[in-house]
Amino acid sequence: MVVSVIVLYIVFYIGRVIVYIHSTTHNPKEYLWLYNDSIKCDLDTMFSIGETRKADNYYDYLYKKKYCIIILEYKQLGSLDIQNVLFHTHANVNLNHFISSFWGEEYNMDLYPRPETYINFKLPFQNGFSVSLDTTSRIEKWIEGKNYRGFFGKILHMSFNNAEGKPLVFFDYKYIATPTLFLLYKHQGRFIVIIINSKEKFDDKIIHILNLQ
């Protein structure tokens, strides 16, 4: 009986992984349109890896060998107005609490300044999206344009939550609140998140490498 239960669990787990896991691809052109032409020669696309599936995409770029850029696209949120996205500061963003119900994939383990990233197999955002920052994180400057909004600041722990406030994606910088440019971007019905980090000092002017039409 016990053996049968274990076998059924393993089959269920493998089946769920097959259905919901991202597929790895090397297609740096997928999001090159997000960058200004003048800086594209400084993007290291050799190791630009994409993780794709029906619900979302995750892409990684490196600029001038010191700026780590993460691009995330959530395909079910194409109709969401970014002005309706709430930012919760000084929130109870706890990795241990998140992991207790986590069922998904992990990225960037020990690849600082990239945040260790946890993405659930299923992303039931329910046409709602909010951002939570822990008490150590700090927003230094709000940034807003015609089709983008976000901030420049320092992040230690951050989560993306659905309409009910349930965290579905978690970012952990582990040891130190890290300078970060964070943007939500809407383009032709696409909902995109841009995160830029570096071990070196930088400021919000890094936004100028982006082509935010």
N, C-alpha and C. Protein backbone atom coordinates (compact mmCIF):
# COMPACT_ATOMS: atom_id res chain seq x y z
N MET A 1 0.83 -1.21 0.00
CA MET A 1 0.00 0.00 0.00
C MET A 1 0.86 1.26 0.00
N VAL A 2 1.85 1.28 0.90
CA VAL A 2 2.74 2.44 1.00
C VAL A 2 3.50 2.64 -0.30
N VAL A 3 3.97 1.52 -0.88
CA VAL A 3 4.71 1.59 -2.14
C VAL A 3 3.83 2.15 -3.25
N SER A 4 2.57 1.73 -3.29
CA SER A 4 1.64 2.22 -4.31
C SER A 4 1.42 3.73 -4.19
N VAL A 5 1.30 4.21 -2.96
CA VAL A 5 1.12 5.64 -2.72
C VAL A 5 2.35 6.42 -3.19
N ILE A 6 3.52 5.90 -2.89
CA ILE A 6 4.76 6.55 -3.30
C ILE A 6 4.86 6.60 -4.82
N VAL A 7 4.53 5.49 -5.47
CA VAL A 7 4.59 5.43 -6.93
C VAL A 7 3.61 6.42 -7.54
N LEU A 8 2.39 6.48 -7.01
CA LEU A 8 1.38 7.41 -7.52
C LEU A 8 1.85 8.86 -7.35
N TYR A 9 2.48 9.14 -6.21
CA TYR A 9 2.99 10.50 -5.96
C TYR A 9 4.07 10.85 -6.97
N ILE A 10 4.98 9.91 -7.23
CA ILE A 10 6.06 10.16 -8.18
C ILE A 10 5.49 10.40 -9.58
N VAL A 11 4.52 9.57 -9.98
CA VAL A 11 3.89 9.73 -11.29
C VAL A 11 3.20 11.08 -11.39
N PHE A 12 2.47 11.46 -10.32
CA PHE A 12 1.77 12.75 -10.30
C PHE A 12 2.77 13.89 -10.41
N TYR A 13 3.88 13.79 -9.65
CA TYR A 13 4.89 14.86 -9.66
C TYR A 13 5.52 15.00 -11.04
N ILE A 14 5.93 13.88 -11.63
CA ILE A 14 6.56 13.92 -12.94
C ILE A 14 5.59 14.47 -13.98
N GLY A 15 4.33 14.03 -13.91
CA GLY A 15 3.33 14.53 -14.85
C GLY A 15 3.14 16.02 -14.74
N ARG A 16 3.11 16.54 -13.51
CA ARG A 16 2.93 17.97 -13.31
C ARG A 16 4.13 18.75 -13.82
N VAL A 17 5.32 18.22 -13.59
CA VAL A 17 6.54 18.88 -14.07
C VAL A 17 6.52 18.97 -15.59
N ILE A 18 6.17 17.87 -16.24
CA ILE A 18 6.15 17.85 -17.71
C ILE A 18 5.18 18.89 -18.26
N VAL A 19 4.03 19.03 -17.61
CA VAL A 19 3.00 19.95 -18.09
C VAL A 19 3.40 21.41 -17.87
N TYR A 20 3.99 21.71 -16.71
CA TYR A 20 4.16 23.11 -16.32
C TYR A 20 5.60 23.63 -16.36
N ILE A 21 6.58 22.79 -16.60
CA ILE A 21 7.96 23.25 -16.56
C ILE A 21 8.28 24.13 -17.76
N HIS A 22 9.19 25.10 -17.57
CA HIS A 22 9.65 25.93 -18.67
C HIS A 22 10.55 25.13 -19.62
N SER A 23 10.56 25.54 -20.87
CA SER A 23 11.49 24.99 -21.85
C SER A 23 12.63 25.97 -22.05
N THR A 24 13.86 25.49 -21.98
CA THR A 24 15.02 26.36 -22.13
C THR A 24 15.32 26.60 -23.61
N THR A 25 15.59 27.86 -23.95
CA THR A 25 15.88 28.22 -25.32
C THR A 25 16.96 29.29 -25.37
N HIS A 26 17.73 29.29 -26.45
CA HIS A 26 18.71 30.37 -26.66
C HIS A 26 18.24 31.19 -27.86
N ASN A 27 17.46 32.21 -27.55
CA ASN A 27 16.90 33.07 -28.59
C ASN A 27 16.94 34.52 -28.11
N PRO A 28 18.14 35.10 -28.03
CA PRO A 28 18.28 36.46 -27.47
C PRO A 28 17.50 37.51 -28.23
N LYS A 29 17.12 37.24 -29.47
CA LYS A 29 16.38 38.23 -30.24
C LYS A 29 14.96 38.44 -29.71
N GLU A 30 14.49 37.51 -28.89
CA GLU A 30 13.11 37.56 -28.41
C GLU A 30 12.75 38.90 -27.77
N TYR A 31 13.69 39.47 -27.01
CA TYR A 31 13.42 40.74 -26.33
C TYR A 31 14.45 41.82 -26.64
N LEU A 32 15.21 41.65 -27.71
CA LEU A 32 16.18 42.69 -28.08
C LEU A 32 15.50 44.01 -28.42
N TRP A 33 14.24 43.95 -28.82
CA TRP A 33 13.51 45.17 -29.16
C TRP A 33 13.32 46.08 -27.95
N LEU A 34 13.54 45.54 -26.75
CA LEU A 34 13.41 46.35 -25.54
C LEU A 34 14.61 47.27 -25.31
N TYR A 35 15.67 47.10 -26.10
CA TYR A 35 16.90 47.86 -25.89
C TYR A 35 17.10 48.87 -27.03
N ASN A 36 17.70 50.00 -26.68
CA ASN A 36 18.04 50.98 -27.70
C ASN A 36 19.12 50.41 -28.62
N ASP A 37 19.01 50.74 -29.90
CA ASP A 37 19.96 50.22 -30.89
C ASP A 37 21.40 50.56 -30.54
N SER A 38 21.59 51.73 -29.94
CA SER A 38 22.95 52.21 -29.67
C SER A 38 23.71 51.36 -28.66
N ILE A 39 23.00 50.55 -27.86
CA ILE A 39 23.70 49.77 -26.83
C ILE A 39 23.69 48.27 -27.12
N LYS A 40 23.03 47.85 -28.18
CA LYS A 40 22.89 46.42 -28.44
C LYS A 40 24.22 45.71 -28.64
N CYS A 41 25.22 46.44 -29.13
CA CYS A 41 26.54 45.84 -29.33
C CYS A 41 27.21 45.52 -28.00
N ASP A 42 26.72 46.11 -26.91
CA ASP A 42 27.29 45.86 -25.58
C ASP A 42 26.52 44.82 -24.80
N LEU A 43 25.54 44.20 -25.44
CA LEU A 43 24.81 43.11 -24.80
C LEU A 43 25.49 41.78 -25.11
N ASP A 44 25.79 41.04 -24.08
CA ASP A 44 26.39 39.73 -24.26
C ASP A 44 25.26 38.73 -24.49
N THR A 45 24.97 38.46 -25.76
CA THR A 45 23.86 37.57 -26.09
C THR A 45 24.27 36.09 -26.18
N MET A 46 25.57 35.84 -26.08
CA MET A 46 26.05 34.47 -26.19
C MET A 46 25.41 33.58 -25.13
N PHE A 47 25.25 34.14 -23.93
CA PHE A 47 24.71 33.36 -22.82
C PHE A 47 23.33 33.85 -22.39
N SER A 48 22.61 34.50 -23.30
CA SER A 48 21.25 34.94 -23.00
C SER A 48 20.32 33.73 -23.11
N ILE A 49 19.88 33.27 -21.96
CA ILE A 49 19.06 32.07 -21.92
C ILE A 49 17.61 32.45 -21.63
N GLY A 50 16.70 31.83 -22.35
CA GLY A 50 15.28 32.06 -22.11
C GLY A 50 14.61 30.82 -21.56
N GLU A 51 13.66 31.03 -20.69
CA GLU A 51 12.83 29.95 -20.15
C GLU A 51 11.39 30.28 -20.53
N THR A 52 10.77 29.44 -21.34
CA THR A 52 9.46 29.78 -21.89
C THR A 52 8.42 28.69 -21.61
N ARG A 53 7.18 29.12 -21.53
CA ARG A 53 6.04 28.21 -21.46
C ARG A 53 4.79 29.01 -21.78
N LYS A 54 3.63 28.36 -21.75
CA LYS A 54 2.40 29.00 -22.17
C LYS A 54 2.06 30.21 -21.32
N ALA A 55 2.31 30.15 -20.02
CA ALA A 55 1.89 31.21 -19.10
C ALA A 55 2.85 32.39 -19.03
N ASP A 56 4.15 32.11 -19.22
CA ASP A 56 5.12 33.18 -18.97
C ASP A 56 6.46 32.88 -19.63
N ASN A 57 7.26 33.94 -19.76
CA ASN A 57 8.64 33.83 -20.24
C ASN A 57 9.58 34.43 -19.22
N TYR A 58 10.80 33.88 -19.17
CA TYR A 58 11.86 34.41 -18.32
C TYR A 58 13.13 34.48 -19.16
N TYR A 59 13.68 35.69 -19.32
CA TYR A 59 14.90 35.85 -20.11
C TYR A 59 15.96 36.59 -19.30
N ASP A 60 17.21 36.26 -19.60
CA ASP A 60 18.35 36.81 -18.88
C ASP A 60 19.33 37.43 -19.86
N TYR A 61 19.71 38.70 -19.64
CA TYR A 61 20.69 39.39 -20.48
C TYR A 61 21.79 39.99 -19.61
N LEU A 62 22.95 40.23 -20.24
CA LEU A 62 24.07 40.86 -19.56
C LEU A 62 24.55 42.03 -20.40
N TYR A 63 24.60 43.22 -19.79
CA TYR A 63 25.00 44.44 -20.49
C TYR A 63 26.33 44.93 -19.95
N LYS A 64 27.29 45.15 -20.86
CA LYS A 64 28.64 45.60 -20.49
C LYS A 64 29.29 44.72 -19.44
N LYS A 65 28.87 43.47 -19.40
CA LYS A 65 29.45 42.46 -18.50
C LYS A 65 29.30 42.80 -17.02
N LYS A 66 28.43 43.76 -16.69
CA LYS A 66 28.26 44.12 -15.28
C LYS A 66 26.81 44.41 -14.89
N TYR A 67 25.93 44.59 -15.87
CA TYR A 67 24.52 44.83 -15.56
C TYR A 67 23.72 43.59 -15.91
N CYS A 68 23.11 42.99 -14.91
CA CYS A 68 22.29 41.80 -15.11
C CYS A 68 20.84 42.24 -15.31
N ILE A 69 20.25 41.80 -16.40
CA ILE A 69 18.91 42.23 -16.76
C ILE A 69 18.00 41.01 -16.88
N ILE A 70 16.93 41.03 -16.12
CA ILE A 70 15.93 39.96 -16.18
C ILE A 70 14.67 40.52 -16.82
N ILE A 71 14.17 39.80 -17.81
CA ILE A 71 12.92 40.15 -18.48
C ILE A 71 11.90 39.05 -18.20
N LEU A 72 10.76 39.42 -17.65
CA LEU A 72 9.68 38.47 -17.42
C LEU A 72 8.42 38.95 -18.12
N GLU A 73 7.75 38.04 -18.80
CA GLU A 73 6.49 38.39 -19.44
C GLU A 73 5.41 37.44 -18.95
N TYR A 74 4.28 38.03 -18.50
CA TYR A 74 3.15 37.25 -18.01
C TYR A 74 2.00 37.39 -19.02
N LYS A 75 1.77 36.31 -19.76
CA LYS A 75 0.91 36.38 -20.94
C LYS A 75 -0.57 36.52 -20.60
N GLN A 76 -0.97 36.09 -19.41
CA GLN A 76 -2.39 36.21 -19.04
C GLN A 76 -2.74 37.59 -18.50
N LEU A 77 -1.76 38.47 -18.39
CA LEU A 77 -2.00 39.80 -17.83
C LEU A 77 -1.99 40.89 -18.90
N GLY A 78 -2.15 40.49 -20.15
CA GLY A 78 -2.10 41.45 -21.25
C GLY A 78 -3.13 42.55 -21.17
N SER A 79 -4.26 42.28 -20.53
CA SER A 79 -5.32 43.29 -20.44
C SER A 79 -5.25 44.12 -19.16
N LEU A 80 -4.29 43.81 -18.28
CA LEU A 80 -4.20 44.51 -17.00
C LEU A 80 -3.55 45.88 -17.17
N ASP A 81 -4.18 46.90 -16.62
CA ASP A 81 -3.64 48.26 -16.62
C ASP A 81 -2.56 48.36 -15.54
N ILE A 82 -1.34 48.72 -15.91
CA ILE A 82 -0.27 48.77 -14.92
C ILE A 82 -0.52 49.83 -13.85
N GLN A 83 -1.41 50.78 -14.13
CA GLN A 83 -1.76 51.76 -13.12
C GLN A 83 -2.53 51.13 -11.96
N ASN A 84 -3.08 49.95 -12.19
CA ASN A 84 -3.84 49.27 -11.14
C ASN A 84 -2.98 48.34 -10.30
N VAL A 85 -1.70 48.24 -10.63
CA VAL A 85 -0.79 47.39 -9.86
C VAL A 85 -0.43 48.09 -8.55
N LEU A 86 -0.59 47.38 -7.45
CA LEU A 86 -0.27 47.93 -6.14
C LEU A 86 1.14 47.52 -5.72
N PHE A 87 1.84 48.44 -5.05
CA PHE A 87 3.15 48.17 -4.49
C PHE A 87 3.02 48.20 -2.97
N HIS A 88 3.29 47.06 -2.33
CA HIS A 88 3.21 46.97 -0.87
C HIS A 88 4.62 47.03 -0.29
N THR A 89 4.94 48.10 0.40
CA THR A 89 6.25 48.22 1.04
C THR A 89 6.13 47.82 2.51
N HIS A 90 7.26 47.46 3.09
CA HIS A 90 7.30 47.01 4.48
C HIS A 90 6.35 45.85 4.71
N ALA A 91 6.28 44.96 3.73
CA ALA A 91 5.37 43.81 3.81
C ALA A 91 6.08 42.62 4.46
N ASN A 92 5.30 41.65 4.85
CA ASN A 92 5.85 40.43 5.44
C ASN A 92 6.21 39.46 4.32
N VAL A 93 7.34 39.75 3.66
CA VAL A 93 7.80 38.92 2.54
C VAL A 93 8.86 37.97 3.09
N ASN A 94 8.46 36.74 3.30
CA ASN A 94 9.31 35.78 3.99
C ASN A 94 9.52 34.55 3.13
N LEU A 95 10.78 34.22 2.86
CA LEU A 95 11.10 33.09 1.99
C LEU A 95 10.60 31.77 2.59
N ASN A 96 10.79 31.58 3.87
CA ASN A 96 10.38 30.32 4.50
C ASN A 96 8.87 30.12 4.38
N HIS A 97 8.13 31.21 4.54
CA HIS A 97 6.67 31.13 4.41
C HIS A 97 6.29 30.81 2.97
N PHE A 98 7.00 31.42 2.02
CA PHE A 98 6.72 31.18 0.61
C PHE A 98 7.03 29.73 0.24
N ILE A 99 8.18 29.24 0.68
CA ILE A 99 8.62 27.88 0.34
C ILE A 99 7.66 26.82 0.87
N SER A 100 6.97 27.13 1.97
CA SER A 100 6.09 26.13 2.57
C SER A 100 4.98 25.68 1.63
N SER A 101 4.60 26.54 0.67
CA SER A 101 3.57 26.16 -0.29
C SER A 101 4.10 26.24 -1.73
N PHE A 102 5.42 26.30 -1.87
CA PHE A 102 6.02 26.47 -3.19
C PHE A 102 6.06 25.15 -3.94
N TRP A 103 5.68 25.20 -5.21
CA TRP A 103 5.69 24.02 -6.08
C TRP A 103 6.09 24.53 -7.45
N GLY A 104 7.40 24.56 -7.73
CA GLY A 104 7.81 25.16 -8.99
C GLY A 104 9.30 25.03 -9.27
N GLU A 105 9.85 26.08 -9.91
CA GLU A 105 11.23 26.05 -10.37
C GLU A 105 12.06 27.14 -9.71
N GLU A 106 13.36 26.90 -9.63
CA GLU A 106 14.29 27.85 -9.02
C GLU A 106 15.34 28.27 -10.04
N TYR A 107 15.67 29.56 -10.02
CA TYR A 107 16.67 30.10 -10.95
C TYR A 107 17.68 30.96 -10.20
N ASN A 108 18.87 31.08 -10.80
CA ASN A 108 19.93 31.98 -10.32
C ASN A 108 20.42 31.65 -8.92
N MET A 109 20.49 30.40 -8.59
CA MET A 109 21.01 30.03 -7.28
C MET A 109 22.50 30.40 -7.19
N ASP A 110 22.83 31.26 -6.25
CA ASP A 110 24.22 31.70 -6.01
C ASP A 110 24.82 32.39 -7.23
N LEU A 111 24.02 33.21 -7.92
CA LEU A 111 24.51 33.98 -9.06
C LEU A 111 24.32 35.48 -8.82
N TYR A 112 24.56 35.91 -7.60
CA TYR A 112 24.44 37.32 -7.25
C TYR A 112 25.30 38.17 -8.20
N PRO A 113 24.82 39.34 -8.67
CA PRO A 113 23.67 40.11 -8.15
C PRO A 113 22.32 39.73 -8.70
N ARG A 114 22.24 38.70 -9.52
CA ARG A 114 20.91 38.23 -9.91
C ARG A 114 20.20 37.69 -8.68
N PRO A 115 18.93 37.99 -8.53
CA PRO A 115 18.20 37.45 -7.37
C PRO A 115 17.89 35.98 -7.56
N GLU A 116 17.99 35.21 -6.51
CA GLU A 116 17.51 33.83 -6.57
C GLU A 116 16.00 33.91 -6.76
N THR A 117 15.51 33.22 -7.77
CA THR A 117 14.13 33.41 -8.22
C THR A 117 13.36 32.10 -8.15
N TYR A 118 12.18 32.18 -7.55
CA TYR A 118 11.32 31.01 -7.39
C TYR A 118 10.01 31.29 -8.13
N ILE A 119 9.67 30.44 -9.11
CA ILE A 119 8.48 30.63 -9.93
C ILE A 119 7.60 29.39 -9.81
N ASN A 120 6.38 29.56 -9.38
CA ASN A 120 5.47 28.43 -9.25
C ASN A 120 5.16 27.80 -10.60
N PHE A 121 4.86 26.50 -10.57
CA PHE A 121 4.48 25.82 -11.80
C PHE A 121 3.23 26.46 -12.40
N LYS A 122 2.27 26.80 -11.55
CA LYS A 122 1.05 27.44 -12.01
C LYS A 122 1.02 28.89 -11.52
N LEU A 123 0.56 29.79 -12.38
CA LEU A 123 0.53 31.22 -12.05
C LEU A 123 -0.90 31.76 -12.20
N PRO A 124 -1.77 31.43 -11.27
CA PRO A 124 -3.16 31.91 -11.34
C PRO A 124 -3.28 33.36 -10.85
N PHE A 125 -2.82 34.30 -11.68
CA PHE A 125 -2.87 35.70 -11.27
C PHE A 125 -4.30 36.23 -11.22
N GLN A 126 -5.21 35.61 -11.96
CA GLN A 126 -6.63 36.00 -11.94
C GLN A 126 -6.80 37.47 -12.32
N ASN A 127 -6.02 37.89 -13.31
CA ASN A 127 -6.05 39.26 -13.80
C ASN A 127 -5.80 40.29 -12.71
N GLY A 128 -4.98 39.90 -11.76
CA GLY A 128 -4.55 40.82 -10.70
C GLY A 128 -3.06 40.64 -10.47
N PHE A 129 -2.40 41.70 -10.07
CA PHE A 129 -0.94 41.64 -9.89
C PHE A 129 -0.55 42.71 -8.88
N SER A 130 0.23 42.31 -7.88
CA SER A 130 0.78 43.28 -6.93
C SER A 130 2.21 42.91 -6.61
N VAL A 131 2.96 43.87 -6.13
CA VAL A 131 4.37 43.69 -5.79
C VAL A 131 4.55 43.97 -4.31
N SER A 132 5.18 43.04 -3.60
CA SER A 132 5.45 43.22 -2.17
C SER A 132 6.95 43.28 -1.92
N LEU A 133 7.36 44.24 -1.11
CA LEU A 133 8.77 44.40 -0.72
C LEU A 133 8.88 44.26 0.79
N ASP A 134 9.93 43.60 1.25
CA ASP A 134 10.08 43.40 2.69
C ASP A 134 10.53 44.69 3.38
N THR A 135 10.65 44.63 4.69
CA THR A 135 10.94 45.83 5.48
C THR A 135 12.35 46.37 5.26
N THR A 136 13.26 45.53 4.76
CA THR A 136 14.63 45.98 4.50
C THR A 136 14.74 46.71 3.16
N SER A 137 13.88 46.35 2.22
CA SER A 137 13.91 46.97 0.89
C SER A 137 13.46 48.43 0.99
N ARG A 138 13.93 49.23 0.04
CA ARG A 138 13.62 50.66 0.08
C ARG A 138 13.46 51.22 -1.33
N ILE A 139 12.38 51.94 -1.55
CA ILE A 139 12.18 52.64 -2.82
C ILE A 139 12.76 54.04 -2.68
N GLU A 140 13.73 54.35 -3.55
CA GLU A 140 14.39 55.66 -3.48
C GLU A 140 13.78 56.67 -4.45
N LYS A 141 13.25 56.16 -5.58
CA LYS A 141 12.69 57.07 -6.56
C LYS A 141 11.64 56.35 -7.39
N TRP A 142 10.44 56.91 -7.45
CA TRP A 142 9.40 56.37 -8.31
C TRP A 142 9.66 56.81 -9.75
N ILE A 143 9.38 55.92 -10.69
CA ILE A 143 9.61 56.20 -12.10
C ILE A 143 8.32 55.91 -12.86
N GLU A 144 7.92 56.83 -13.73
CA GLU A 144 6.68 56.62 -14.46
C GLU A 144 6.74 57.29 -15.82
N GLY A 145 6.23 56.61 -16.83
CA GLY A 145 6.15 57.13 -18.18
C GLY A 145 4.80 56.78 -18.79
N LYS A 146 4.66 57.01 -20.06
CA LYS A 146 3.40 56.79 -20.75
C LYS A 146 2.94 55.34 -20.63
N ASN A 147 3.84 54.40 -20.74
CA ASN A 147 3.46 52.99 -20.74
C ASN A 147 4.33 52.15 -19.80
N TYR A 148 4.93 52.79 -18.82
CA TYR A 148 5.72 52.06 -17.84
C TYR A 148 5.66 52.76 -16.48
N ARG A 149 5.89 51.99 -15.43
CA ARG A 149 6.00 52.55 -14.09
C ARG A 149 6.78 51.58 -13.21
N GLY A 150 7.43 52.13 -12.22
CA GLY A 150 8.23 51.31 -11.33
C GLY A 150 9.04 52.19 -10.41
N PHE A 151 10.27 51.75 -10.11
CA PHE A 151 11.07 52.50 -9.15
C PHE A 151 12.54 52.13 -9.27
N PHE A 152 13.35 52.99 -8.70
CA PHE A 152 14.75 52.65 -8.45
C PHE A 152 14.91 52.60 -6.94
N GLY A 153 15.57 51.56 -6.46
CA GLY A 153 15.75 51.43 -5.02
C GLY A 153 16.64 50.26 -4.68
N LYS A 154 16.46 49.72 -3.48
CA LYS A 154 17.24 48.57 -3.04
C LYS A 154 16.28 47.49 -2.57
N ILE A 155 16.52 46.27 -3.05
CA ILE A 155 15.62 45.15 -2.76
C ILE A 155 16.39 44.03 -2.06
N LEU A 156 15.79 43.49 -1.02
CA LEU A 156 16.30 42.27 -0.41
C LEU A 156 15.38 41.10 -0.76
N HIS A 157 14.09 41.25 -0.42
CA HIS A 157 13.09 40.23 -0.75
C HIS A 157 11.92 40.88 -1.45
N MET A 158 11.40 40.22 -2.48
CA MET A 158 10.28 40.76 -3.23
C MET A 158 9.42 39.61 -3.74
N SER A 159 8.11 39.82 -3.78
CA SER A 159 7.23 38.81 -4.34
C SER A 159 6.23 39.44 -5.29
N PHE A 160 5.77 38.64 -6.26
CA PHE A 160 4.67 39.00 -7.14
C PHE A 160 3.45 38.21 -6.67
N ASN A 161 2.33 38.89 -6.49
CA ASN A 161 1.16 38.27 -5.91
C ASN A 161 -0.04 38.35 -6.87
N ASN A 162 -0.99 37.44 -6.67
CA ASN A 162 -2.17 37.44 -7.54
C ASN A 162 -3.26 38.34 -6.97
N ALA A 163 -4.45 38.27 -7.56
CA ALA A 163 -5.55 39.15 -7.17
C ALA A 163 -5.97 38.95 -5.72
N GLU A 164 -5.71 37.76 -5.18
CA GLU A 164 -6.07 37.46 -3.80
C GLU A 164 -4.92 37.72 -2.83
N GLY A 165 -3.81 38.22 -3.35
CA GLY A 165 -2.66 38.51 -2.49
C GLY A 165 -1.75 37.33 -2.26
N LYS A 166 -1.99 36.22 -2.95
CA LYS A 166 -1.13 35.05 -2.78
C LYS A 166 0.14 35.22 -3.58
N PRO A 167 1.32 35.07 -2.96
CA PRO A 167 2.59 35.18 -3.69
C PRO A 167 2.81 34.00 -4.61
N LEU A 168 3.14 34.29 -5.87
CA LEU A 168 3.37 33.24 -6.86
C LEU A 168 4.81 33.21 -7.36
N VAL A 169 5.49 34.35 -7.24
CA VAL A 169 6.90 34.45 -7.67
C VAL A 169 7.65 35.15 -6.55
N PHE A 170 8.86 34.67 -6.25
CA PHE A 170 9.63 35.23 -5.13
C PHE A 170 11.06 35.51 -5.59
N PHE A 171 11.59 36.66 -5.17
CA PHE A 171 12.96 37.07 -5.49
C PHE A 171 13.73 37.27 -4.19
N ASP A 172 14.90 36.67 -4.11
CA ASP A 172 15.69 36.71 -2.88
C ASP A 172 17.13 37.11 -3.21
N TYR A 173 17.53 38.31 -2.75
CA TYR A 173 18.91 38.76 -2.94
C TYR A 173 19.81 38.27 -1.81
N LYS A 174 19.24 37.58 -0.85
CA LYS A 174 19.90 36.81 0.20
C LYS A 174 20.62 37.65 1.25
N TYR A 175 21.70 38.30 0.87
CA TYR A 175 22.58 38.85 1.90
C TYR A 175 22.50 40.36 2.08
N ILE A 176 22.12 41.08 1.03
CA ILE A 176 22.17 42.53 1.10
C ILE A 176 21.10 43.13 0.19
N ALA A 177 20.48 44.20 0.67
CA ALA A 177 19.53 44.92 -0.17
C ALA A 177 20.31 45.50 -1.36
N THR A 178 19.90 45.13 -2.56
CA THR A 178 20.70 45.36 -3.77
C THR A 178 20.08 46.45 -4.65
N PRO A 179 20.91 47.41 -5.13
CA PRO A 179 20.39 48.45 -6.04
C PRO A 179 19.68 47.81 -7.24
N THR A 180 18.50 48.30 -7.52
CA THR A 180 17.65 47.69 -8.53
C THR A 180 16.82 48.73 -9.28
N LEU A 181 16.79 48.61 -10.60
CA LEU A 181 15.78 49.31 -11.38
C LEU A 181 14.68 48.31 -11.67
N PHE A 182 13.46 48.65 -11.28
CA PHE A 182 12.32 47.75 -11.44
C PHE A 182 11.24 48.46 -12.24
N LEU A 183 10.80 47.86 -13.35
CA LEU A 183 9.80 48.48 -14.20
C LEU A 183 8.73 47.48 -14.62
N LEU A 184 7.49 47.96 -14.65
CA LEU A 184 6.39 47.27 -15.32
C LEU A 184 6.18 47.99 -16.64
N TYR A 185 6.06 47.23 -17.72
CA TYR A 185 6.00 47.84 -19.05
C TYR A 185 4.87 47.20 -19.85
N LYS A 186 4.01 48.01 -20.41
CA LYS A 186 2.94 47.54 -21.29
C LYS A 186 3.25 47.96 -22.72
N HIS A 187 3.23 46.97 -23.63
CA HIS A 187 3.52 47.27 -25.03
C HIS A 187 2.67 46.38 -25.91
N GLN A 188 1.76 46.99 -26.65
CA GLN A 188 0.89 46.26 -27.58
C GLN A 188 0.21 45.07 -26.90
N GLY A 189 -0.35 45.33 -25.74
CA GLY A 189 -1.08 44.30 -25.02
C GLY A 189 -0.22 43.27 -24.32
N ARG A 190 1.06 43.57 -24.14
CA ARG A 190 1.97 42.64 -23.46
C ARG A 190 2.36 43.22 -22.10
N PHE A 191 2.37 42.37 -21.07
CA PHE A 191 2.69 42.78 -19.71
C PHE A 191 4.09 42.25 -19.39
N ILE A 192 5.04 43.17 -19.25
CA ILE A 192 6.45 42.80 -19.12
C ILE A 192 7.04 43.43 -17.86
N VAL A 193 7.87 42.67 -17.17
CA VAL A 193 8.61 43.16 -16.01
C VAL A 193 10.09 43.20 -16.35
N ILE A 194 10.74 44.30 -16.02
CA ILE A 194 12.18 44.47 -16.27
C ILE A 194 12.88 44.72 -14.94
N ILE A 195 13.93 43.94 -14.66
CA ILE A 195 14.70 44.09 -13.43
C ILE A 195 16.17 44.19 -13.79
N ILE A 196 16.82 45.27 -13.35
CA ILE A 196 18.25 45.48 -13.64
C ILE A 196 19.02 45.59 -12.33
N ASN A 197 20.11 44.82 -12.25
CA ASN A 197 20.99 44.82 -11.07
C ASN A 197 22.45 44.86 -11.48
N SER A 198 23.31 45.23 -10.56
CA SER A 198 24.75 45.21 -10.79
C SER A 198 25.47 45.20 -9.44
N LYS A 199 26.66 44.62 -9.44
CA LYS A 199 27.50 44.70 -8.24
C LYS A 199 28.11 46.09 -8.11
N GLU A 200 28.18 46.82 -9.24
CA GLU A 200 28.76 48.15 -9.23
C GLU A 200 27.68 49.21 -9.00
N LYS A 201 28.11 50.36 -8.53
CA LYS A 201 27.18 51.44 -8.24
C LYS A 201 26.56 51.97 -9.53
N PHE A 202 25.24 52.17 -9.52
CA PHE A 202 24.56 52.78 -10.66
C PHE A 202 23.30 53.47 -10.14
N ASP A 203 22.63 54.19 -11.03
CA ASP A 203 21.43 54.90 -10.61
C ASP A 203 20.32 54.72 -11.65
N ASP A 204 19.25 55.48 -11.50
CA ASP A 204 18.09 55.30 -12.36
C ASP A 204 18.33 55.69 -13.82
N LYS A 205 19.46 56.32 -14.12
CA LYS A 205 19.77 56.68 -15.52
C LYS A 205 19.98 55.45 -16.39
N ILE A 206 20.15 54.28 -15.77
CA ILE A 206 20.30 53.06 -16.54
C ILE A 206 19.06 52.80 -17.41
N ILE A 207 17.97 53.45 -17.09
CA ILE A 207 16.74 53.28 -17.86
C ILE A 207 16.94 53.68 -19.32
N HIS A 208 17.93 54.51 -19.59
CA HIS A 208 18.13 55.01 -20.95
C HIS A 208 18.67 53.96 -21.92
N ILE A 209 19.06 52.80 -21.42
CA ILE A 209 19.47 51.73 -22.33
C ILE A 209 18.24 51.03 -22.92
N LEU A 210 17.07 51.34 -22.37
CA LEU A 210 15.84 50.66 -22.79
C LEU A 210 15.10 51.46 -23.85
N ASN A 211 14.42 50.75 -24.71
CA ASN A 211 13.61 51.35 -25.76
C ASN A 211 12.14 51.21 -25.37
N LEU A 212 11.68 52.10 -24.50
CA LEU A 212 10.32 52.03 -23.97
C LEU A 212 9.39 52.86 -24.84
N GLN A 213 8.97 52.30 -25.96
CA GLN A 213 8.19 53.03 -26.95
C GLN A 213 6.82 53.43 -26.41
